[in-house]
Structures are given as C-alpha cells and as structure tokens.
C-alpha cells in the first residue's frame, strides 16, 4: 500500500516499501508545487511521458486470473 508523507516544507512524497512510488500521479511534489512534480515507480525516476506509458502497460490482474493465464495451464 502506498503511503503519503507531507514534510515540514510542504513537499508531498508517496512511498511503497521505502521507495518513492505512485501509480496514481507524481510520487514527489516539492513544496506542494505541481509544476515541479517528479514521477517514480518502485524508486526509479521517470519522465511524465515514460510514467504514462508504463501505466498503460499495467493489466491490473495477476496472470492467473486472466484467460491467457488459465489457457497457459497456470495453477490456480
């Protein structure tokens, strides 16, 4: 689960397992300024365009719950 932390200078940081991460938007908003927002996934910094592309690639379901997973003989 992603955790939100607000620092004393007004920065907003989203963490997952101790690494900056947020699928829903920027993981770092320095001093609350959205123009300077930075995008991170699992601690790796991305441009907004890279982040949007990676977000499109997410299926949202584990392989064993998809029809392709069952067709491939995945154990349930």
C-alpha atoms as a PDB file:
ATOM      1  CA  UNK A   1       0.000   0.000   0.000  1.00  0.00           C
ATOM      2  CA  UNK A   2       1.332   3.419  -0.957  1.00  0.00           C
ATOM      3  CA  UNK A   3       1.912   5.798   1.955  1.00  0.00           C
ATOM      4  CA  UNK A   4       1.641   9.565   1.690  1.00  0.00           C
ATOM      5  CA  UNK A   5       4.003  11.762   3.682  1.00  0.00           C
ATOM      6  CA  UNK A   6       3.973  15.545   3.935  1.00  0.00           C
ATOM      7  CA  UNK A   7       7.211  17.230   5.029  1.00  0.00           C
ATOM      8  CA  UNK A   8       7.578  20.434   7.027  1.00  0.00           C
ATOM      9  CA  UNK A   9       8.420  22.431   3.873  1.00  0.00           C
ATOM     10  CA  UNK A  10       5.132  21.346   2.256  1.00  0.00           C
ATOM     11  CA  UNK A  11       6.579  18.658  -0.029  1.00  0.00           C
ATOM     12  CA  UNK A  12       4.383  15.616  -0.636  1.00  0.00           C
ATOM     13  CA  UNK A  13       6.040  12.222  -1.084  1.00  0.00           C
ATOM     14  CA  UNK A  14       4.423   8.844  -1.836  1.00  0.00           C
ATOM     15  CA  UNK A  15       6.263   5.680  -0.720  1.00  0.00           C
ATOM     16  CA  UNK A  16       5.893   1.959  -1.276  1.00  0.00           C
ATOM     17  CA  UNK A  17       8.238  -0.366   0.641  1.00  0.00           C
ATOM     18  CA  UNK A  18      10.607   2.520   1.409  1.00  0.00           C
ATOM     19  CA  UNK A  19      10.912   3.633  -2.242  1.00  0.00           C
ATOM     20  CA  UNK A  20       9.232   6.564  -3.943  1.00  0.00           C
ATOM     21  CA  UNK A  21       6.327   5.164  -5.936  1.00  0.00           C
ATOM     22  CA  UNK A  22       2.865   6.211  -7.122  1.00  0.00           C
ATOM     23  CA  UNK A  23       0.708   4.767  -9.927  1.00  0.00           C
ATOM     24  CA  UNK A  24      -1.906   7.498  -9.468  1.00  0.00           C
ATOM     25  CA  UNK A  25       0.280  10.543 -10.093  1.00  0.00           C
ATOM     26  CA  UNK A  26       3.610  12.107  -9.185  1.00  0.00           C
ATOM     27  CA  UNK A  27       5.478  10.495  -6.288  1.00  0.00           C
ATOM     28  CA  UNK A  28       7.215  13.746  -5.327  1.00  0.00           C
ATOM     29  CA  UNK A  29       5.633  17.181  -5.285  1.00  0.00           C
ATOM     30  CA  UNK A  30       8.316  19.550  -3.946  1.00  0.00           C
ATOM     31  CA  UNK A  31       6.930  22.258  -1.672  1.00  0.00           C
ATOM     32  CA  UNK A  32       3.442  21.469  -2.989  1.00  0.00           C
ATOM     33  CA  UNK A  33       4.365  22.865  -6.437  1.00  0.00           C
ATOM     34  CA  UNK A  34       2.787  20.519  -9.017  1.00  0.00           C
ATOM     35  CA  UNK A  35       4.824  22.100 -11.826  1.00  0.00           C
ATOM     36  CA  UNK A  36       7.977  20.595 -10.282  1.00  0.00           C
ATOM     37  CA  UNK A  37       6.397  17.176  -9.733  1.00  0.00           C
ATOM     38  CA  UNK A  38       8.561  14.081 -10.269  1.00  0.00           C
ATOM     39  CA  UNK A  39       7.313  10.649 -11.255  1.00  0.00           C
ATOM     40  CA  UNK A  40       8.713   7.480  -9.685  1.00  0.00           C
ATOM     41  CA  UNK A  41       7.815   3.809  -9.954  1.00  0.00           C
ATOM     42  CA  UNK A  42       9.452   1.461  -7.455  1.00  0.00           C
ATOM     43  CA  UNK A  43      12.169   4.039  -6.724  1.00  0.00           C
ATOM     44  CA  UNK A  44      13.087   4.650 -10.388  1.00  0.00           C
ATOM     45  CA  UNK A  45      12.592   8.178 -11.705  1.00  0.00           C
ATOM     46  CA  UNK A  46      10.646   8.589 -14.963  1.00  0.00           C
ATOM     47  CA  UNK A  47       9.552  11.484 -17.118  1.00  0.00           C
ATOM     48  CA  UNK A  48       5.809  12.105 -17.187  1.00  0.00           C
ATOM     49  CA  UNK A  49       5.633  10.533 -20.652  1.00  0.00           C
ATOM     50  CA  UNK A  50       7.528   7.412 -19.536  1.00  0.00           C
ATOM     51  CA  UNK A  51       5.322   7.131 -16.453  1.00  0.00           C
ATOM     52  CA  UNK A  52       2.136   7.403 -18.572  1.00  0.00           C
ATOM     53  CA  UNK A  53       3.434   4.709 -20.943  1.00  0.00           C
ATOM     54  CA  UNK A  54       4.268   2.353 -18.064  1.00  0.00           C
ATOM     55  CA  UNK A  55       0.862   2.982 -16.508  1.00  0.00           C
ATOM     56  CA  UNK A  56      -0.815   1.921 -19.790  1.00  0.00           C
ATOM     57  CA  UNK A  57       1.074  -1.383 -19.677  1.00  0.00           C
ATOM     58  CA  UNK A  58      -0.380  -2.382 -16.308  1.00  0.00           C
ATOM     59  CA  UNK A  59      -3.081  -5.019 -16.660  1.00  0.00           C
ATOM     60  CA  UNK A  60      -4.333  -4.760 -13.090  1.00  0.00           C
ATOM     61  CA  UNK A  61      -4.892  -8.503 -12.704  1.00  0.00           C
ATOM     62  CA  UNK A  62      -2.483 -11.267 -11.807  1.00  0.00           C
ATOM     63  CA  UNK A  63      -1.658 -13.622 -14.677  1.00  0.00           C
ATOM     64  CA  UNK A  64      -3.569 -16.498 -13.084  1.00  0.00           C
ATOM     65  CA  UNK A  65      -6.841 -14.534 -13.145  1.00  0.00           C
ATOM     66  CA  UNK A  66      -6.671 -13.752 -16.863  1.00  0.00           C
ATOM     67  CA  UNK A  67      -7.964 -16.057 -19.582  1.00  0.00           C
ATOM     68  CA  UNK A  68      -4.465 -16.299 -21.071  1.00  0.00           C
ATOM     69  CA  UNK A  69      -3.084 -17.457 -17.713  1.00  0.00           C
ATOM     70  CA  UNK A  70      -5.613 -20.275 -17.475  1.00  0.00           C
ATOM     71  CA  UNK A  71      -5.098 -21.257 -21.110  1.00  0.00           C
ATOM     72  CA  UNK A  72      -1.379 -21.498 -20.479  1.00  0.00           C
ATOM     73  CA  UNK A  73      -2.023 -24.030 -17.716  1.00  0.00           C
ATOM     74  CA  UNK A  74      -1.315 -21.778 -14.754  1.00  0.00           C
ATOM     75  CA  UNK A  75      -2.017 -23.436 -11.436  1.00  0.00           C
ATOM     76  CA  UNK A  76      -4.830 -21.814  -9.501  1.00  0.00           C
END
